[in-house]
Amino acid sequence: MRKPKIAEELCVGCMACTVACPMGVLIEPLIGMIPLIKAPERCTGCERCVDACFFSAIKIVDVIIKFS
């Protein structure tokens, strides 16, 4: 599974990523400046959010699910 990861120290809160995401994974927060990752399971890894970020604050990472 892949999901977006936001580098909070680089994010300026422009919310371009929330507009670019076709799956609604990223949303604008009610409070604060950093977008929220609402539904990481919906992420298809298209990287539109990455392309939309002028500050290189987002990357798509692989998530390893461990079963016990």
Protein backbone atom coordinates (compact mmCIF):
# COMPACT_ATOMS: atom_id res chain seq x y z
CA MET A 1 0.00 0.00 0.00
CA ARG A 2 1.18 3.52 -0.75
CA LYS A 3 0.29 6.74 1.03
CA PRO A 4 1.33 10.40 1.05
CA LYS A 5 3.70 11.69 3.70
CA ILE A 6 3.92 15.40 4.42
CA ALA A 7 7.14 17.03 5.62
CA GLU A 8 5.61 19.54 8.00
CA GLU A 9 8.78 21.64 8.11
CA LEU A 10 8.51 22.25 4.34
CA CYS A 11 4.74 22.65 4.01
CA VAL A 12 3.50 26.26 3.75
CA GLY A 13 -0.19 25.38 3.87
CA CYS A 14 -1.10 26.36 0.32
CA MET A 15 -3.43 23.31 0.02
CA ALA A 16 -2.56 22.75 -3.66
CA CYS A 17 -2.20 19.05 -2.82
CA THR A 18 -5.77 18.84 -1.50
CA VAL A 19 -7.10 20.23 -4.77
CA ALA A 20 -4.88 17.96 -6.88
CA CYS A 21 -5.79 14.68 -5.15
CA PRO A 22 -8.52 12.95 -7.20
CA MET A 23 -9.24 10.42 -4.45
CA GLY A 24 -9.85 12.85 -1.56
CA VAL A 25 -6.97 11.44 0.47
CA LEU A 26 -5.76 14.89 1.53
CA ILE A 27 -8.15 17.44 3.02
CA GLU A 28 -7.89 20.96 4.39
CA PRO A 29 -7.71 21.03 8.18
CA LEU A 30 -10.26 22.90 10.28
CA ILE A 31 -7.41 24.23 12.41
CA GLY A 32 -3.79 24.66 11.40
CA MET A 33 -1.85 24.90 8.20
CA ILE A 34 -0.87 21.31 7.37
CA PRO A 35 -3.22 19.23 5.17
CA LEU A 36 -4.70 16.17 6.83
CA ILE A 37 -4.33 12.67 5.43
CA LYS A 38 -7.97 11.63 5.73
CA ALA A 39 -8.12 8.30 3.92
CA PRO A 40 -4.67 6.83 3.22
CA GLU A 41 -6.22 3.55 2.06
CA ARG A 42 -7.70 5.41 -0.95
CA CYS A 43 -4.27 6.51 -2.21
CA THR A 44 -3.50 5.02 -5.63
CA GLY A 45 0.04 6.43 -5.74
CA CYS A 46 -0.73 8.69 -8.71
CA GLU A 47 1.57 11.39 -7.26
CA ARG A 48 -0.62 14.30 -8.36
CA CYS A 49 -0.24 15.76 -4.88
CA VAL A 50 3.54 15.49 -5.23
CA ASP A 51 3.45 17.27 -8.60
CA ALA A 52 1.17 20.02 -7.20
CA CYS A 53 3.50 20.83 -4.29
CA PHE A 54 5.91 23.63 -5.23
CA PHE A 55 7.82 23.15 -1.97
CA SER A 56 8.58 19.41 -2.26
CA ALA A 57 6.76 18.83 1.03
CA ILE A 58 4.98 15.64 -0.07
CA LYS A 59 6.24 12.27 -1.12
CA ILE A 60 4.51 8.94 -1.63
CA VAL A 61 5.82 6.18 0.60
CA ASP A 62 5.25 2.45 0.71
CA VAL A 63 3.54 1.20 3.83
CA ILE A 64 4.26 -2.31 5.01
CA ILE A 65 1.36 -3.97 6.76
CA LYS A 66 2.45 -6.51 9.35
CA PHE A 67 0.14 -9.27 10.47
CA SER A 68 0.69 -10.99 13.79
